[in-house]
């Protein structure tokens, strides 16, 4: 099991959090998603076939890119 924490500067409201949580939770292999409006951080716990690259790609696709 892997865990990553990503900074997503585009998080500005609870709708952002809901969208990120819903989209990432639907990805095969993602076990948990915790997003914070205050810190703009998203912590994702996952296993294959999910990967950090696939998670980052999905965030870009839904217009919430993580900082490099």
PDB file of N, CA and C in Angstrom:
ATOM      1  N   UNK A   1       0.854  -1.177   0.000  1.00  0.00           N
ATOM      2  CA  UNK A   1       0.000   0.000   0.000  1.00  0.00           C
ATOM      3  C   UNK A   1       0.895   1.233   0.000  1.00  0.00           C
ATOM      4  N   UNK A   2       0.568   2.191  -0.828  1.00  0.00           N
ATOM      5  CA  UNK A   2       1.328   3.436  -0.944  1.00  0.00           C
ATOM      6  C   UNK A   2       0.459   4.608  -0.516  1.00  0.00           C
ATOM      7  N   UNK A   3       1.104   5.647   0.004  1.00  0.00           N
ATOM      8  CA  UNK A   3       0.398   6.867   0.380  1.00  0.00           C
ATOM      9  C   UNK A   3       1.182   8.058  -0.144  1.00  0.00           C
ATOM     10  N   UNK A   4       0.449   8.992  -0.785  1.00  0.00           N
ATOM     11  CA  UNK A   4       1.064  10.233  -1.248  1.00  0.00           C
ATOM     12  C   UNK A   4       0.230  11.403  -0.743  1.00  0.00           C
ATOM     13  N   UNK A   5       0.890  12.516  -0.533  1.00  0.00           N
ATOM     14  CA  UNK A   5       0.197  13.758  -0.175  1.00  0.00           C
ATOM     15  C   UNK A   5       0.580  14.798  -1.210  1.00  0.00           C
ATOM     16  N   UNK A   6      -0.442  15.383  -1.825  1.00  0.00           N
ATOM     17  CA  UNK A   6      -0.235  16.338  -2.908  1.00  0.00           C
ATOM     18  C   UNK A   6      -0.824  17.696  -2.541  1.00  0.00           C
ATOM     19  N   UNK A   7      -0.130  18.755  -2.933  1.00  0.00           N
ATOM     20  CA  UNK A   7      -0.639  20.110  -2.738  1.00  0.00           C
ATOM     21  C   UNK A   7      -1.380  20.512  -4.006  1.00  0.00           C
ATOM     22  N   UNK A   8      -2.655  20.893  -3.840  1.00  0.00           N
ATOM     23  CA  UNK A   8      -3.486  21.272  -4.970  1.00  0.00           C
ATOM     24  C   UNK A   8      -3.975  22.701  -4.743  1.00  0.00           C
ATOM     25  N   UNK A   9      -3.287  23.679  -5.326  1.00  0.00           N
ATOM     26  CA  UNK A   9      -3.618  25.081  -5.078  1.00  0.00           C
ATOM     27  C   UNK A   9      -5.011  25.487  -5.545  1.00  0.00           C
ATOM     28  N   UNK A  10      -5.619  24.724  -6.460  1.00  0.00           N
ATOM     29  CA  UNK A  10      -6.936  25.066  -6.992  1.00  0.00           C
ATOM     30  C   UNK A  10      -8.099  24.761  -6.065  1.00  0.00           C
ATOM     31  N   UNK A  11      -7.824  24.149  -4.911  1.00  0.00           N
ATOM     32  CA  UNK A  11      -8.902  23.859  -3.964  1.00  0.00           C
ATOM     33  C   UNK A  11      -9.351  25.164  -3.321  1.00  0.00           C
ATOM     34  N   UNK A  12     -10.645  25.517  -3.536  1.00  0.00           N
ATOM     35  CA  UNK A  12     -11.128  26.789  -2.989  1.00  0.00           C
ATOM     36  C   UNK A  12     -12.449  26.657  -2.240  1.00  0.00           C
ATOM     37  N   UNK A  13     -13.089  25.479  -2.296  1.00  0.00           N
ATOM     38  CA  UNK A  13     -14.389  25.337  -1.639  1.00  0.00           C
ATOM     39  C   UNK A  13     -14.683  23.855  -1.373  1.00  0.00           C
ATOM     40  N   UNK A  14     -15.794  23.610  -0.702  1.00  0.00           N
ATOM     41  CA  UNK A  14     -16.165  22.234  -0.384  1.00  0.00           C
ATOM     42  C   UNK A  14     -16.573  21.459  -1.628  1.00  0.00           C
ATOM     43  N   UNK A  15     -17.055  22.140  -2.657  1.00  0.00           N
ATOM     44  CA  UNK A  15     -17.364  21.462  -3.912  1.00  0.00           C
ATOM     45  C   UNK A  15     -16.089  20.892  -4.531  1.00  0.00           C
ATOM     46  N   UNK A  16     -14.992  21.630  -4.444  1.00  0.00           N
ATOM     47  CA  UNK A  16     -13.697  21.138  -4.938  1.00  0.00           C
ATOM     48  C   UNK A  16     -13.320  19.839  -4.218  1.00  0.00           C
ATOM     49  N   UNK A  17     -13.446  19.856  -2.904  1.00  0.00           N
ATOM     50  CA  UNK A  17     -13.120  18.682  -2.092  1.00  0.00           C
ATOM     51  C   UNK A  17     -13.984  17.497  -2.517  1.00  0.00           C
ATOM     52  N   UNK A  18     -15.283  17.736  -2.679  1.00  0.00           N
ATOM     53  CA  UNK A  18     -16.208  16.671  -3.063  1.00  0.00           C
ATOM     54  C   UNK A  18     -15.829  16.084  -4.425  1.00  0.00           C
ATOM     55  N   UNK A  19     -15.531  16.938  -5.384  1.00  0.00           N
ATOM     56  CA  UNK A  19     -15.162  16.476  -6.722  1.00  0.00           C
ATOM     57  C   UNK A  19     -13.891  15.636  -6.686  1.00  0.00           C
ATOM     58  N   UNK A  20     -12.882  16.124  -5.999  1.00  0.00           N
ATOM     59  CA  UNK A  20     -11.608  15.399  -5.895  1.00  0.00           C
ATOM     60  C   UNK A  20     -11.825  14.053  -5.208  1.00  0.00           C
ATOM     61  N   UNK A  21     -12.534  14.057  -4.082  1.00  0.00           N
ATOM     62  CA  UNK A  21     -12.789  12.805  -3.357  1.00  0.00           C
ATOM     63  C   UNK A  21     -13.529  11.799  -4.225  1.00  0.00           C
ATOM     64  N   UNK A  22     -14.582  12.254  -4.907  1.00  0.00           N
ATOM     65  CA  UNK A  22     -15.406  11.359  -5.717  1.00  0.00           C
ATOM     66  C   UNK A  22     -14.615  10.781  -6.878  1.00  0.00           C
ATOM     67  N   UNK A  23     -13.919  11.629  -7.609  1.00  0.00           N
ATOM     68  CA  UNK A  23     -13.183  11.169  -8.784  1.00  0.00           C
ATOM     69  C   UNK A  23     -12.050  10.216  -8.408  1.00  0.00           C
ATOM     70  N   UNK A  24     -11.284  10.551  -7.377  1.00  0.00           N
ATOM     71  CA  UNK A  24     -10.175   9.677  -6.987  1.00  0.00           C
ATOM     72  C   UNK A  24     -10.678   8.371  -6.387  1.00  0.00           C
ATOM     73  N   UNK A  25     -11.749   8.417  -5.610  1.00  0.00           N
ATOM     74  CA  UNK A  25     -12.288   7.200  -4.991  1.00  0.00           C
ATOM     75  C   UNK A  25     -12.778   6.205  -6.047  1.00  0.00           C
ATOM     76  N   UNK A  26     -13.179   6.711  -7.212  1.00  0.00           N
ATOM     77  CA  UNK A  26     -13.648   5.841  -8.290  1.00  0.00           C
ATOM     78  C   UNK A  26     -12.508   5.149  -9.048  1.00  0.00           C
ATOM     79  N   UNK A  27     -11.277   5.600  -8.833  1.00  0.00           N
ATOM     80  CA  UNK A  27     -10.141   4.994  -9.528  1.00  0.00           C
ATOM     81  C   UNK A  27      -9.826   3.631  -8.914  1.00  0.00           C
ATOM     82  N   UNK A  28      -9.669   2.637  -9.784  1.00  0.00           N
ATOM     83  CA  UNK A  28      -9.357   1.297  -9.302  1.00  0.00           C
ATOM     84  C   UNK A  28      -8.013   1.305  -8.577  1.00  0.00           C
ATOM     85  N   UNK A  29      -7.993   0.748  -7.375  1.00  0.00           N
ATOM     86  CA  UNK A  29      -6.777   0.679  -6.568  1.00  0.00           C
ATOM     87  C   UNK A  29      -6.693   1.733  -5.485  1.00  0.00           C
ATOM     88  N   UNK A  30      -7.494   2.799  -5.583  1.00  0.00           N
ATOM     89  CA  UNK A  30      -7.476   3.836  -4.550  1.00  0.00           C
ATOM     90  C   UNK A  30      -8.275   3.348  -3.353  1.00  0.00           C
ATOM     91  N   UNK A  31      -7.646   3.352  -2.190  1.00  0.00           N
ATOM     92  CA  UNK A  31      -8.275   2.846  -0.967  1.00  0.00           C
ATOM     93  C   UNK A  31      -8.863   3.945  -0.106  1.00  0.00           C
ATOM     94  N   UNK A  32      -8.232   5.121  -0.075  1.00  0.00           N
ATOM     95  CA  UNK A  32      -8.780   6.228   0.704  1.00  0.00           C
ATOM     96  C   UNK A  32      -8.274   7.557   0.146  1.00  0.00           C
ATOM     97  N   UNK A  33      -9.108   8.582   0.354  1.00  0.00           N
ATOM     98  CA  UNK A  33      -8.773   9.944  -0.072  1.00  0.00           C
ATOM     99  C   UNK A  33      -9.169  10.875   1.057  1.00  0.00           C
ATOM    100  N   UNK A  34      -8.244  11.723   1.476  1.00  0.00           N
ATOM    101  CA  UNK A  34      -8.525  12.738   2.488  1.00  0.00           C
ATOM    102  C   UNK A  34      -8.054  14.075   1.939  1.00  0.00           C
ATOM    103  N   UNK A  35      -8.996  14.993   1.775  1.00  0.00           N
ATOM    104  CA  UNK A  35      -8.658  16.315   1.245  1.00  0.00           C
ATOM    105  C   UNK A  35      -8.977  17.386   2.278  1.00  0.00           C
ATOM    106  N   UNK A  36      -8.143  18.416   2.328  1.00  0.00           N
ATOM    107  CA  UNK A  36      -8.322  19.502   3.288  1.00  0.00           C
ATOM    108  C   UNK A  36      -8.454  20.833   2.565  1.00  0.00           C
ATOM    109  N   UNK A  37      -9.536  21.533   2.855  1.00  0.00           N
ATOM    110  CA  UNK A  37      -9.748  22.863   2.284  1.00  0.00           C
ATOM    111  C   UNK A  37      -8.729  23.851   2.847  1.00  0.00           C
ATOM    112  N   UNK A  38      -8.440  23.769   4.121  1.00  0.00           N
ATOM    113  CA  UNK A  38      -7.530  24.719   4.771  1.00  0.00           C
ATOM    114  C   UNK A  38      -6.096  24.611   4.258  1.00  0.00           C
ATOM    115  N   UNK A  39      -5.585  23.398   4.178  1.00  0.00           N
ATOM    116  CA  UNK A  39      -4.191  23.218   3.771  1.00  0.00           C
ATOM    117  C   UNK A  39      -4.014  23.009   2.271  1.00  0.00           C
ATOM    118  N   UNK A  40      -5.137  22.746   1.576  1.00  0.00           N
ATOM    119  CA  UNK A  40      -5.107  22.447   0.135  1.00  0.00           C
ATOM    120  C   UNK A  40      -4.282  21.196  -0.153  1.00  0.00           C
ATOM    121  N   UNK A  41      -4.291  20.260   0.792  1.00  0.00           N
ATOM    122  CA  UNK A  41      -3.566  18.999   0.641  1.00  0.00           C
ATOM    123  C   UNK A  41      -4.545  17.854   0.446  1.00  0.00           C
ATOM    124  N   UNK A  42      -4.138  16.901  -0.391  1.00  0.00           N
ATOM    125  CA  UNK A  42      -4.919  15.689  -0.606  1.00  0.00           C
ATOM    126  C   UNK A  42      -3.990  14.507  -0.343  1.00  0.00           C
ATOM    127  N   UNK A  43      -4.410  13.620   0.552  1.00  0.00           N
ATOM    128  CA  UNK A  43      -3.653  12.414   0.854  1.00  0.00           C
ATOM    129  C   UNK A  43      -4.407  11.228   0.279  1.00  0.00           C
ATOM    130  N   UNK A  44      -3.699  10.440  -0.527  1.00  0.00           N
ATOM    131  CA  UNK A  44      -4.307   9.304  -1.211  1.00  0.00           C
ATOM    132  C   UNK A  44      -3.540   8.034  -0.842  1.00  0.00           C
ATOM    133  N   UNK A  45      -4.271   7.024  -0.402  1.00  0.00           N
ATOM    134  CA  UNK A  45      -3.696   5.713  -0.145  1.00  0.00           C
ATOM    135  C   UNK A  45      -4.164   4.799  -1.269  1.00  0.00           C
ATOM    136  N   UNK A  46      -3.220   4.084  -1.876  1.00  0.00           N
ATOM    137  CA  UNK A  46      -3.559   3.304  -3.066  1.00  0.00           C
ATOM    138  C   UNK A  46      -2.637   2.106  -3.228  1.00  0.00           C
ATOM    139  N   UNK A  47      -3.052   1.226  -4.132  1.00  0.00           N
ATOM    140  CA  UNK A  47      -2.249   0.088  -4.537  1.00  0.00           C
ATOM    141  C   UNK A  47      -2.480  -0.103  -6.038  1.00  0.00           C
ATOM    142  N   UNK A  48      -1.633  -0.872  -6.721  1.00  0.00           N
ATOM    143  CA  UNK A  48      -1.834  -1.076  -8.151  1.00  0.00           C
ATOM    144  C   UNK A  48      -3.238  -1.637  -8.423  1.00  0.00           C
ATOM    145  N   UNK A  49      -3.845  -1.222  -9.524  1.00  0.00           N
ATOM    146  CA  UNK A  49      -3.247  -0.557 -10.684  1.00  0.00           C
ATOM    147  C   UNK A  49      -3.134   0.961 -10.556  1.00  0.00           C
ATOM    148  N   UNK A  50      -3.586   1.566  -9.464  1.00  0.00           N
ATOM    149  CA  UNK A  50      -3.407   3.013  -9.273  1.00  0.00           C
ATOM    150  C   UNK A  50      -1.910   3.292  -9.067  1.00  0.00           C
ATOM    151  N   UNK A  51      -1.494   4.481  -9.470  1.00  0.00           N
ATOM    152  CA  UNK A  51      -0.109   4.900  -9.282  1.00  0.00           C
ATOM    153  C   UNK A  51      -0.115   6.417  -9.100  1.00  0.00           C
ATOM    154  N   UNK A  52       1.007   6.938  -8.622  1.00  0.00           N
ATOM    155  CA  UNK A  52       1.083   8.393  -8.451  1.00  0.00           C
ATOM    156  C   UNK A  52       0.878   9.105  -9.792  1.00  0.00           C
ATOM    157  N   UNK A  53       1.449   8.583 -10.855  1.00  0.00           N
ATOM    158  CA  UNK A  53       1.281   9.209 -12.172  1.00  0.00           C
ATOM    159  C   UNK A  53      -0.180   9.203 -12.611  1.00  0.00           C
ATOM    160  N   UNK A  54      -0.875   8.091 -12.414  1.00  0.00           N
ATOM    161  CA  UNK A  54      -2.280   8.012 -12.816  1.00  0.00           C
ATOM    162  C   UNK A  54      -3.134   8.966 -11.976  1.00  0.00           C
ATOM    163  N   UNK A  55      -2.816   9.082 -10.683  1.00  0.00           N
ATOM    164  CA  UNK A  55      -3.550   9.991  -9.805  1.00  0.00           C
ATOM    165  C   UNK A  55      -3.318  11.432 -10.249  1.00  0.00           C
ATOM    166  N   UNK A  56      -2.072  11.790 -10.513  1.00  0.00           N
ATOM    167  CA  UNK A  56      -1.757  13.147 -10.980  1.00  0.00           C
ATOM    168  C   UNK A  56      -2.448  13.432 -12.316  1.00  0.00           C
ATOM    169  N   UNK A  57      -2.441  12.447 -13.220  1.00  0.00           N
ATOM    170  CA  UNK A  57      -3.098  12.629 -14.521  1.00  0.00           C
ATOM    171  C   UNK A  57      -4.598  12.871 -14.357  1.00  0.00           C
ATOM    172  N   UNK A  58      -5.239  12.131 -13.457  1.00  0.00           N
ATOM    173  CA  UNK A  58      -6.675  12.314 -13.229  1.00  0.00           C
ATOM    174  C   UNK A  58      -6.953  13.702 -12.658  1.00  0.00           C
ATOM    175  N   UNK A  59      -6.109  14.149 -11.749  1.00  0.00           N
ATOM    176  CA  UNK A  59      -6.293  15.481 -11.169  1.00  0.00           C
ATOM    177  C   UNK A  59      -6.188  16.564 -12.244  1.00  0.00           C
ATOM    178  N   UNK A  60      -5.279  16.411 -13.178  1.00  0.00           N
ATOM    179  CA  UNK A  60      -5.163  17.358 -14.298  1.00  0.00           C
ATOM    180  C   UNK A  60      -6.437  17.291 -15.137  1.00  0.00           C
ATOM    181  N   UNK A  61      -6.910  16.075 -15.408  1.00  0.00           N
ATOM    182  CA  UNK A  61      -8.120  15.884 -16.226  1.00  0.00           C
ATOM    183  C   UNK A  61      -9.340  16.575 -15.632  1.00  0.00           C
ATOM    184  N   UNK A  62      -9.443  16.589 -14.300  1.00  0.00           N
ATOM    185  CA  UNK A  62     -10.606  17.205 -13.647  1.00  0.00           C
ATOM    186  C   UNK A  62     -10.322  18.657 -13.215  1.00  0.00           C
ATOM    187  N   UNK A  63      -9.221  19.215 -13.721  1.00  0.00           N
ATOM    188  CA  UNK A  63      -8.861  20.623 -13.500  1.00  0.00           C
ATOM    189  C   UNK A  63      -8.436  20.961 -12.072  1.00  0.00           C
ATOM    190  N   UNK A  64      -7.828  19.992 -11.402  1.00  0.00           N
ATOM    191  CA  UNK A  64      -7.235  20.240 -10.079  1.00  0.00           C
ATOM    192  C   UNK A  64      -5.806  19.706 -10.077  1.00  0.00           C
ATOM    193  N   UNK A  65      -4.929  20.274 -10.906  1.00  0.00           N
ATOM    194  CA  UNK A  65      -3.565  19.748 -10.967  1.00  0.00           C
ATOM    195  C   UNK A  65      -2.805  19.964  -9.666  1.00  0.00           C
ATOM    196  N   UNK A  66      -2.008  18.950  -9.322  1.00  0.00           N
ATOM    197  CA  UNK A  66      -1.153  19.049  -8.139  1.00  0.00           C
ATOM    198  C   UNK A  66       0.116  19.795  -8.516  1.00  0.00           C
ATOM    199  N   UNK A  67       0.688  20.503  -7.549  1.00  0.00           N
ATOM    200  CA  UNK A  67       1.967  21.155  -7.777  1.00  0.00           C
ATOM    201  C   UNK A  67       3.027  20.085  -7.943  1.00  0.00           C
ATOM    202  N   UNK A  68       4.060  20.405  -8.709  1.00  0.00           N
ATOM    203  CA  UNK A  68       5.133  19.453  -8.993  1.00  0.00           C
ATOM    204  C   UNK A  68       5.902  19.076  -7.759  1.00  0.00           C
TER     205      UNK A  68
END
